[in-house]
Every structure is written in C-alpha cells, then in structure tokens.
Amino acid sequence: MCECIKKHQDNIIQRGDYEGKKILSAEIQNVVFPLDNLKIVGMITTSPLEITIEGRKTKLKTALQHKYCPWCGVIYQTAEETTQESSKS
C-alpha cells in the first residue's frame, strides 16, 4: 500500500504557512480505515455520494471507496490481501 495520504498531509504542514500564519496540522478528508479482526490495515480514500431516491424526502448520503490511490495509481489492497502479506513475513 502506498503512503500518499500521509505524504500529502506532511507536505502541506511543511509548506510552513498559509496567509502568514503557521500550518499546525493537515488532515485529508474522506479517508476510511479498513479493518480486519478489529485491526486497522491501511487507509483508503473515498468520494462523497448523494443519491436522490423517489419517495424519499432527503438525499441518501454515502461514499464510494476508491480502488486505486488517486495520486500514484497504486491499487489499494483489501484487508484479506494485507493480512496474507503480513503473515508471510
């Protein structure tokens, strides 16, 4: 799995300032942590999705998980693949 999410957050902080004020932290939104047996096995980006459904007064709000990193194109591993990799080590 790539380190793009952490790398981009760190790069924003390292830029130093925003309009003359110091950047203290940066968190990319729409990130989920896939779990396997209650252990976090990575980070995956998502895109918000709102669906209008006939007969429903409000939109259904959900998210689409990305299969690939939007920055480097590396495929995100499933929890099962990550577990198999760690058990080989």
N, C-alpha and C. Protein backbone atom coordinates (compact mmCIF):
# COMPACT_ATOMS: atom_id res chain seq x y z
N MET A 1 0.84 -1.18 0.00
CA MET A 1 0.00 0.00 0.00
C MET A 1 0.90 1.25 0.00
N CYS A 2 0.50 2.26 -0.72
CA CYS A 2 1.28 3.49 -0.82
C CYS A 2 1.16 4.34 0.44
N GLU A 3 1.99 5.36 0.53
CA GLU A 3 1.99 6.29 1.67
C GLU A 3 1.54 7.69 1.25
N CYS A 4 0.79 7.79 0.15
CA CYS A 4 0.43 9.10 -0.41
C CYS A 4 -0.37 9.97 0.55
N ILE A 5 -1.33 9.40 1.26
CA ILE A 5 -2.17 10.21 2.16
C ILE A 5 -1.30 10.90 3.19
N LYS A 6 -0.46 10.13 3.88
CA LYS A 6 0.43 10.70 4.89
C LYS A 6 1.42 11.69 4.28
N LYS A 7 1.97 11.33 3.12
CA LYS A 7 2.95 12.18 2.44
C LYS A 7 2.35 13.54 2.09
N HIS A 8 1.12 13.55 1.56
CA HIS A 8 0.48 14.82 1.18
C HIS A 8 0.14 15.66 2.41
N GLN A 9 -0.32 15.03 3.47
CA GLN A 9 -0.59 15.77 4.71
C GLN A 9 0.69 16.40 5.24
N ASP A 10 1.77 15.62 5.28
CA ASP A 10 3.06 16.13 5.76
C ASP A 10 3.58 17.27 4.89
N ASN A 11 3.43 17.15 3.57
CA ASN A 11 3.89 18.20 2.66
C ASN A 11 3.16 19.52 2.90
N ILE A 12 1.87 19.44 3.18
CA ILE A 12 1.09 20.66 3.45
C ILE A 12 1.60 21.34 4.71
N ILE A 13 1.87 20.55 5.76
CA ILE A 13 2.40 21.11 7.01
C ILE A 13 3.78 21.72 6.79
N GLN A 14 4.61 21.05 6.01
CA GLN A 14 5.98 21.52 5.77
C GLN A 14 6.03 22.78 4.94
N ARG A 15 4.98 23.09 4.22
CA ARG A 15 4.96 24.33 3.43
C ARG A 15 5.15 25.55 4.33
N GLY A 16 4.81 25.38 5.59
CA GLY A 16 5.12 26.43 6.56
C GLY A 16 3.99 27.33 6.95
N ASP A 17 3.40 28.04 5.99
CA ASP A 17 2.36 28.98 6.40
C ASP A 17 1.26 29.11 5.36
N TYR A 18 0.14 29.65 5.83
CA TYR A 18 -1.00 29.96 4.98
C TYR A 18 -1.41 31.38 5.32
N GLU A 19 -1.27 32.26 4.35
CA GLU A 19 -1.58 33.68 4.54
C GLU A 19 -0.89 34.24 5.77
N GLY A 20 0.39 33.90 5.94
CA GLY A 20 1.20 34.44 7.03
C GLY A 20 1.03 33.74 8.37
N LYS A 21 0.20 32.74 8.45
CA LYS A 21 0.01 32.01 9.70
C LYS A 21 0.53 30.58 9.55
N LYS A 22 1.12 30.05 10.64
CA LYS A 22 1.73 28.72 10.62
C LYS A 22 0.67 27.63 10.49
N ILE A 23 0.94 26.65 9.64
CA ILE A 23 0.06 25.48 9.49
C ILE A 23 0.41 24.50 10.60
N LEU A 24 -0.53 24.16 11.45
CA LEU A 24 -0.28 23.27 12.57
C LEU A 24 -0.58 21.81 12.25
N SER A 25 -1.60 21.57 11.43
CA SER A 25 -1.93 20.20 11.05
C SER A 25 -2.69 20.21 9.74
N ALA A 26 -2.73 19.07 9.09
CA ALA A 26 -3.48 18.91 7.85
C ALA A 26 -4.02 17.49 7.81
N GLU A 27 -5.32 17.36 7.59
CA GLU A 27 -5.95 16.05 7.52
C GLU A 27 -6.78 15.96 6.26
N ILE A 28 -6.41 15.05 5.39
CA ILE A 28 -7.18 14.83 4.18
C ILE A 28 -8.50 14.20 4.60
N GLN A 29 -9.59 14.77 4.13
CA GLN A 29 -10.92 14.29 4.47
C GLN A 29 -11.29 13.12 3.56
N ASN A 30 -12.34 12.41 3.93
CA ASN A 30 -12.85 11.29 3.15
C ASN A 30 -11.84 10.16 3.05
N VAL A 31 -11.30 9.78 4.20
CA VAL A 31 -10.39 8.65 4.31
C VAL A 31 -11.01 7.64 5.27
N VAL A 32 -11.01 6.37 4.89
CA VAL A 32 -11.52 5.33 5.77
C VAL A 32 -10.39 4.38 6.13
N PHE A 33 -10.56 3.69 7.25
CA PHE A 33 -9.58 2.75 7.74
C PHE A 33 -10.19 1.35 7.67
N PRO A 34 -9.83 0.55 6.66
CA PRO A 34 -10.37 -0.80 6.60
C PRO A 34 -9.88 -1.63 7.78
N LEU A 35 -10.77 -2.45 8.32
CA LEU A 35 -10.43 -3.27 9.48
C LEU A 35 -10.41 -4.75 9.13
N ASP A 36 -9.55 -5.47 9.80
CA ASP A 36 -9.52 -6.92 9.73
C ASP A 36 -9.32 -7.42 11.15
N ASN A 37 -10.33 -8.10 11.70
CA ASN A 37 -10.30 -8.55 13.10
C ASN A 37 -9.99 -7.38 14.05
N LEU A 38 -10.66 -6.25 13.81
CA LEU A 38 -10.53 -5.03 14.60
C LEU A 38 -9.14 -4.41 14.56
N LYS A 39 -8.33 -4.75 13.57
CA LYS A 39 -7.02 -4.13 13.37
C LYS A 39 -7.08 -3.28 12.11
N ILE A 40 -6.59 -2.04 12.18
CA ILE A 40 -6.54 -1.17 11.01
C ILE A 40 -5.48 -1.72 10.06
N VAL A 41 -5.85 -1.91 8.80
CA VAL A 41 -4.92 -2.49 7.83
C VAL A 41 -4.54 -1.52 6.72
N GLY A 42 -4.78 -0.24 6.90
CA GLY A 42 -4.40 0.75 5.89
C GLY A 42 -5.31 1.95 5.92
N MET A 43 -5.21 2.75 4.85
CA MET A 43 -6.08 3.90 4.68
C MET A 43 -6.52 3.92 3.21
N ILE A 44 -7.79 4.21 2.98
CA ILE A 44 -8.34 4.26 1.63
C ILE A 44 -9.11 5.57 1.48
N THR A 45 -8.92 6.25 0.36
CA THR A 45 -9.66 7.48 0.10
C THR A 45 -11.06 7.14 -0.42
N THR A 46 -11.98 8.09 -0.21
CA THR A 46 -13.36 7.93 -0.68
C THR A 46 -13.85 9.22 -1.31
N SER A 47 -14.93 9.13 -2.04
CA SER A 47 -15.61 10.31 -2.58
C SER A 47 -17.03 10.33 -2.07
N PRO A 48 -17.50 11.49 -1.58
CA PRO A 48 -18.88 11.56 -1.10
C PRO A 48 -19.85 11.34 -2.25
N LEU A 49 -20.99 10.74 -1.94
CA LEU A 49 -22.02 10.47 -2.94
C LEU A 49 -23.38 10.74 -2.32
N GLU A 50 -24.19 11.54 -3.00
CA GLU A 50 -25.56 11.80 -2.56
C GLU A 50 -26.51 11.27 -3.63
N ILE A 51 -27.48 10.49 -3.20
CA ILE A 51 -28.42 9.87 -4.13
C ILE A 51 -29.83 10.36 -3.81
N THR A 52 -30.54 10.80 -4.84
CA THR A 52 -31.94 11.19 -4.69
C THR A 52 -32.80 9.98 -5.04
N ILE A 53 -33.66 9.60 -4.11
CA ILE A 53 -34.49 8.41 -4.29
C ILE A 53 -35.95 8.80 -4.32
N GLU A 54 -36.67 8.24 -5.28
CA GLU A 54 -38.10 8.52 -5.42
C GLU A 54 -38.82 8.19 -4.12
N GLY A 55 -39.64 9.15 -3.64
CA GLY A 55 -40.43 8.94 -2.44
C GLY A 55 -39.68 9.27 -1.14
N ARG A 56 -38.42 9.57 -1.23
CA ARG A 56 -37.64 9.91 -0.04
C ARG A 56 -37.46 11.43 0.02
N LYS A 57 -37.67 12.03 1.19
CA LYS A 57 -37.60 13.48 1.32
C LYS A 57 -36.16 14.01 1.31
N THR A 58 -35.27 13.24 1.88
CA THR A 58 -33.87 13.68 1.94
C THR A 58 -33.00 12.78 1.07
N LYS A 59 -31.86 13.33 0.66
CA LYS A 59 -30.92 12.55 -0.14
C LYS A 59 -30.23 11.52 0.74
N LEU A 60 -29.94 10.38 0.16
CA LEU A 60 -29.16 9.35 0.83
C LEU A 60 -27.70 9.75 0.69
N LYS A 61 -27.01 9.91 1.81
CA LYS A 61 -25.60 10.30 1.79
C LYS A 61 -24.74 9.09 2.11
N THR A 62 -23.80 8.80 1.22
CA THR A 62 -22.90 7.67 1.40
C THR A 62 -21.55 8.02 0.77
N ALA A 63 -20.70 7.06 0.58
CA ALA A 63 -19.39 7.31 -0.01
C ALA A 63 -18.99 6.16 -0.92
N LEU A 64 -18.22 6.48 -1.92
CA LEU A 64 -17.63 5.48 -2.81
C LEU A 64 -16.18 5.28 -2.38
N GLN A 65 -15.78 4.05 -2.18
CA GLN A 65 -14.37 3.78 -1.86
C GLN A 65 -13.59 3.71 -3.17
N HIS A 66 -12.42 4.31 -3.19
CA HIS A 66 -11.56 4.23 -4.37
C HIS A 66 -10.82 2.90 -4.35
N LYS A 67 -10.64 2.34 -5.52
CA LYS A 67 -9.90 1.08 -5.64
C LYS A 67 -8.41 1.35 -5.80
N TYR A 68 -8.08 2.53 -6.33
CA TYR A 68 -6.69 2.92 -6.57
C TYR A 68 -6.40 4.25 -5.89
N CYS A 69 -5.15 4.47 -5.52
CA CYS A 69 -4.74 5.76 -4.96
C CYS A 69 -4.93 6.83 -6.03
N PRO A 70 -5.60 7.94 -5.71
CA PRO A 70 -5.84 8.98 -6.71
C PRO A 70 -4.57 9.74 -7.11
N TRP A 71 -3.49 9.60 -6.36
CA TRP A 71 -2.26 10.32 -6.67
C TRP A 71 -1.24 9.48 -7.44
N CYS A 72 -1.00 8.25 -6.98
CA CYS A 72 0.06 7.45 -7.61
C CYS A 72 -0.48 6.28 -8.42
N GLY A 73 -1.76 5.96 -8.28
CA GLY A 73 -2.35 4.90 -9.08
C GLY A 73 -2.14 3.49 -8.55
N VAL A 74 -1.49 3.35 -7.40
CA VAL A 74 -1.28 2.02 -6.81
C VAL A 74 -2.61 1.48 -6.33
N ILE A 75 -2.87 0.21 -6.60
CA ILE A 75 -4.13 -0.40 -6.17
C ILE A 75 -4.13 -0.55 -4.65
N TYR A 76 -5.25 -0.20 -4.03
CA TYR A 76 -5.40 -0.40 -2.59
C TYR A 76 -5.60 -1.88 -2.35
N GLN A 77 -4.96 -2.42 -1.35
CA GLN A 77 -5.12 -3.83 -1.02
C GLN A 77 -6.36 -4.01 -0.17
N THR A 78 -6.98 -5.16 -0.31
CA THR A 78 -8.10 -5.49 0.55
C THR A 78 -7.55 -5.92 1.90
N ALA A 79 -8.39 -5.96 2.91
CA ALA A 79 -7.97 -6.40 4.24
C ALA A 79 -7.40 -7.82 4.17
N GLU A 80 -8.01 -8.66 3.35
CA GLU A 80 -7.55 -10.04 3.22
C GLU A 80 -6.14 -10.10 2.63
N GLU A 81 -5.88 -9.30 1.58
CA GLU A 81 -4.56 -9.28 0.96
C GLU A 81 -3.50 -8.77 1.94
N THR A 82 -3.84 -7.74 2.71
CA THR A 82 -2.91 -7.18 3.68
C THR A 82 -2.58 -8.22 4.76
N THR A 83 -3.58 -8.95 5.22
CA THR A 83 -3.37 -9.98 6.24
C THR A 83 -2.49 -11.10 5.70
N GLN A 84 -2.72 -11.51 4.46
CA GLN A 84 -1.91 -12.56 3.86
C GLN A 84 -0.46 -12.13 3.73
N GLU A 85 -0.23 -10.86 3.34
CA GLU A 85 1.12 -10.34 3.21
C GLU A 85 1.85 -10.33 4.55
N SER A 86 1.17 -9.87 5.61
CA SER A 86 1.81 -9.77 6.92
C SER A 86 2.07 -11.15 7.50
N SER A 87 1.28 -12.16 7.15
CA SER A 87 1.52 -13.50 7.69
C SER A 87 2.69 -14.18 6.98
N LYS A 88 3.06 -13.71 5.79
CA LYS A 88 4.21 -14.25 5.07
C LYS A 88 5.52 -13.76 5.68
N SER A 89 5.48 -12.60 6.35
CA SER A 89 6.70 -12.00 6.90
C SER A 89 7.18 -12.73 8.13
